[in-house]
Amino acid sequence: MGDGPDDERLKALDERLSALKKTQTPEQPRADEHYSQAQQGWRMVIELVAGIVIGFFIGYGLDLLLGTLPIMLVIFVLLGFAAGVRTMMRTAKEVQDAQAVEAARKKRD
């Protein structure tokens, strides 16, 4: 009885089973993906609101000090809005880049 051919067949079978298991492993659940997208959306909303609120308080404070009530308030609220939008766009680019890297990794595998 030769053990050589059986060992080779078992090794080949084990390799085929390992390759098949890799193709059938479940990907990330959809619920986690939606949670992650919602989390990113809230992050962007908070960044926008924070920029506007910070601009409001800086403008209001300067108006109280200088005695020009609406001028600095309006200017700094607009600057805060612009800063918030810029930060949101940066966050959106980070998310897009991460998705592109993930897609490239899945395509490569």
C-alpha atoms as a PDB file:
ATOM      1  CA  MET A   1       0.000   0.000   0.000  1.00  0.00           C
ATOM      2  CA  GLY A   2       1.462   3.291  -1.075  1.00  0.00           C
ATOM      3  CA  ASP A   3       0.789   6.294   1.139  1.00  0.00           C
ATOM      4  CA  GLY A   4       2.241   8.745  -1.408  1.00  0.00           C
ATOM      5  CA  PRO A   5      -0.689   9.121  -3.859  1.00  0.00           C
ATOM      6  CA  ASP A   6      -3.286   9.353  -1.081  1.00  0.00           C
ATOM      7  CA  ASP A   7      -1.333  12.074   0.713  1.00  0.00           C
ATOM      8  CA  GLU A   8      -1.109  14.093  -2.485  1.00  0.00           C
ATOM      9  CA  ARG A   9      -4.834  13.720  -3.139  1.00  0.00           C
ATOM     10  CA  LEU A  10      -5.672  14.741   0.422  1.00  0.00           C
ATOM     11  CA  LYS A  11      -3.408  17.771   0.174  1.00  0.00           C
ATOM     12  CA  ALA A  12      -5.000  18.803  -3.137  1.00  0.00           C
ATOM     13  CA  LEU A  13      -8.467  18.317  -1.667  1.00  0.00           C
ATOM     14  CA  ASP A  14      -7.543  20.408   1.375  1.00  0.00           C
ATOM     15  CA  GLU A  15      -6.282  23.240  -0.869  1.00  0.00           C
ATOM     16  CA  ARG A  16      -9.489  23.157  -2.937  1.00  0.00           C
ATOM     17  CA  LEU A  17     -11.627  23.230   0.207  1.00  0.00           C
ATOM     18  CA  SER A  18      -9.652  26.165   1.607  1.00  0.00           C
ATOM     19  CA  ALA A  19     -10.080  28.101  -1.641  1.00  0.00           C
ATOM     20  CA  LEU A  20     -13.806  27.350  -1.670  1.00  0.00           C
ATOM     21  CA  LYS A  21     -14.198  28.499   1.953  1.00  0.00           C
ATOM     22  CA  LYS A  22     -12.510  31.804   1.122  1.00  0.00           C
ATOM     23  CA  THR A  23     -15.027  32.505  -1.643  1.00  0.00           C
ATOM     24  CA  GLN A  24     -17.992  31.721   0.585  1.00  0.00           C
ATOM     25  CA  THR A  25     -17.089  33.790   3.643  1.00  0.00           C
ATOM     26  CA  PRO A  26     -19.832  36.362   4.287  1.00  0.00           C
ATOM     27  CA  GLU A  27     -18.959  39.969   3.645  1.00  0.00           C
ATOM     28  CA  GLN A  28     -19.641  42.801   6.061  1.00  0.00           C
ATOM     29  CA  PRO A  29     -23.321  42.800   7.049  1.00  0.00           C
ATOM     30  CA  ARG A  30     -25.484  45.408   5.384  1.00  0.00           C
ATOM     31  CA  ALA A  31     -26.692  46.787   8.730  1.00  0.00           C
ATOM     32  CA  ASP A  32     -23.134  47.775   9.668  1.00  0.00           C
ATOM     33  CA  GLU A  33     -22.672  49.477   6.317  1.00  0.00           C
ATOM     34  CA  HIS A  34     -25.837  51.533   6.751  1.00  0.00           C
ATOM     35  CA  TYR A  35     -24.818  52.433  10.285  1.00  0.00           C
ATOM     36  CA  SER A  36     -21.453  53.584   9.014  1.00  0.00           C
ATOM     37  CA  GLN A  37     -23.058  55.706   6.292  1.00  0.00           C
ATOM     38  CA  ALA A  38     -25.471  57.262   8.804  1.00  0.00           C
ATOM     39  CA  GLN A  39     -22.564  57.971  11.114  1.00  0.00           C
ATOM     40  CA  GLN A  40     -20.690  59.745   8.322  1.00  0.00           C
ATOM     41  CA  GLY A  41     -23.810  61.758   7.467  1.00  0.00           C
ATOM     42  CA  TRP A  42     -24.243  62.930  11.057  1.00  0.00           C
ATOM     43  CA  ARG A  43     -20.556  63.797  11.229  1.00  0.00           C
ATOM     44  CA  MET A  44     -20.946  66.080   8.219  1.00  0.00           C
ATOM     45  CA  VAL A  45     -24.078  67.740   9.627  1.00  0.00           C
ATOM     46  CA  ILE A  46     -22.357  68.368  12.952  1.00  0.00           C
ATOM     47  CA  GLU A  47     -19.333  69.876  11.190  1.00  0.00           C
ATOM     48  CA  LEU A  48     -21.564  72.260   9.263  1.00  0.00           C
ATOM     49  CA  VAL A  49     -23.600  73.309  12.313  1.00  0.00           C
ATOM     50  CA  ALA A  50     -20.461  73.711  14.434  1.00  0.00           C
ATOM     51  CA  GLY A  51     -18.940  76.062  11.857  1.00  0.00           C
ATOM     52  CA  ILE A  52     -22.074  78.205  11.796  1.00  0.00           C
ATOM     53  CA  VAL A  53     -22.405  78.287  15.616  1.00  0.00           C
ATOM     54  CA  ILE A  54     -18.745  79.180  16.138  1.00  0.00           C
ATOM     55  CA  GLY A  55     -19.041  81.930  13.523  1.00  0.00           C
ATOM     56  CA  PHE A  56     -22.185  83.224  15.217  1.00  0.00           C
ATOM     57  CA  PHE A  57     -20.547  83.517  18.632  1.00  0.00           C
ATOM     58  CA  ILE A  58     -17.359  85.116  17.295  1.00  0.00           C
ATOM     59  CA  GLY A  59     -19.370  87.622  15.234  1.00  0.00           C
ATOM     60  CA  TYR A  60     -21.751  88.413  18.087  1.00  0.00           C
ATOM     61  CA  GLY A  61     -18.860  88.880  20.507  1.00  0.00           C
ATOM     62  CA  LEU A  62     -17.049  91.226  18.141  1.00  0.00           C
ATOM     63  CA  ASP A  63     -20.258  93.174  17.541  1.00  0.00           C
ATOM     64  CA  LEU A  64     -20.736  93.656  21.280  1.00  0.00           C
ATOM     65  CA  LEU A  65     -17.140  94.872  21.648  1.00  0.00           C
ATOM     66  CA  LEU A  66     -17.203  97.159  18.613  1.00  0.00           C
ATOM     67  CA  GLY A  67     -20.840  98.301  18.850  1.00  0.00           C
ATOM     68  CA  THR A  68     -21.700  97.230  15.275  1.00  0.00           C
ATOM     69  CA  LEU A  69     -24.363  94.654  16.044  1.00  0.00           C
ATOM     70  CA  PRO A  70     -25.352  93.013  12.746  1.00  0.00           C
ATOM     71  CA  ILE A  71     -22.260  93.504  10.591  1.00  0.00           C
ATOM     72  CA  MET A  72     -19.692  91.176  12.206  1.00  0.00           C
ATOM     73  CA  LEU A  73     -22.419  88.675  13.069  1.00  0.00           C
ATOM     74  CA  VAL A  74     -23.421  88.284   9.430  1.00  0.00           C
ATOM     75  CA  ILE A  75     -19.827  88.188   8.202  1.00  0.00           C
ATOM     76  CA  PHE A  76     -18.717  85.526  10.682  1.00  0.00           C
ATOM     77  CA  VAL A  77     -21.837  83.400  10.236  1.00  0.00           C
ATOM     78  CA  LEU A  78     -21.094  83.332   6.498  1.00  0.00           C
ATOM     79  CA  LEU A  79     -17.429  82.529   7.186  1.00  0.00           C
ATOM     80  CA  GLY A  80     -18.511  79.773   9.586  1.00  0.00           C
ATOM     81  CA  PHE A  81     -20.850  78.367   6.944  1.00  0.00           C
ATOM     82  CA  ALA A  82     -18.032  78.387   4.374  1.00  0.00           C
ATOM     83  CA  ALA A  83     -15.678  76.668   6.829  1.00  0.00           C
ATOM     84  CA  GLY A  84     -18.346  74.070   7.640  1.00  0.00           C
ATOM     85  CA  VAL A  85     -18.971  73.330   3.962  1.00  0.00           C
ATOM     86  CA  ARG A  86     -15.232  73.049   3.336  1.00  0.00           C
ATOM     87  CA  THR A  87     -14.880  70.599   6.224  1.00  0.00           C
ATOM     88  CA  MET A  88     -17.878  68.599   4.962  1.00  0.00           C
ATOM     89  CA  MET A  89     -16.317  68.358   1.511  1.00  0.00           C
ATOM     90  CA  ARG A  90     -13.054  67.135   3.029  1.00  0.00           C
ATOM     91  CA  THR A  91     -14.950  64.464   4.977  1.00  0.00           C
ATOM     92  CA  ALA A  92     -16.854  63.420   1.849  1.00  0.00           C
ATOM     93  CA  LYS A  93     -13.547  63.071  -0.012  1.00  0.00           C
ATOM     94  CA  GLU A  94     -12.158  60.880   2.799  1.00  0.00           C
ATOM     95  CA  VAL A  95     -15.218  58.624   2.591  1.00  0.00           C
ATOM     96  CA  GLN A  96     -14.970  58.462  -1.197  1.00  0.00           C
ATOM     97  CA  ASP A  97     -11.270  57.602  -1.058  1.00  0.00           C
ATOM     98  CA  ALA A  98     -11.910  54.882   1.527  1.00  0.00           C
ATOM     99  CA  GLN A  99     -14.637  53.388  -0.664  1.00  0.00           C
ATOM    100  CA  ALA A 100     -12.333  53.460  -3.696  1.00  0.00           C
ATOM    101  CA  VAL A 101      -9.588  51.673  -1.763  1.00  0.00           C
ATOM    102  CA  GLU A 102     -12.084  49.056  -0.543  1.00  0.00           C
ATOM    103  CA  ALA A 103     -13.427  48.527  -4.074  1.00  0.00           C
ATOM    104  CA  ALA A 104      -9.911  48.157  -5.467  1.00  0.00           C
ATOM    105  CA  ARG A 105      -9.039  45.665  -2.722  1.00  0.00           C
ATOM    106  CA  LYS A 106     -12.151  43.588  -3.440  1.00  0.00           C
ATOM    107  CA  LYS A 107     -11.467  43.693  -7.166  1.00  0.00           C
ATOM    108  CA  ARG A 108      -7.877  42.559  -6.610  1.00  0.00           C
ATOM    109  CA  ASP A 109      -8.975  39.621  -4.420  1.00  0.00           C
END
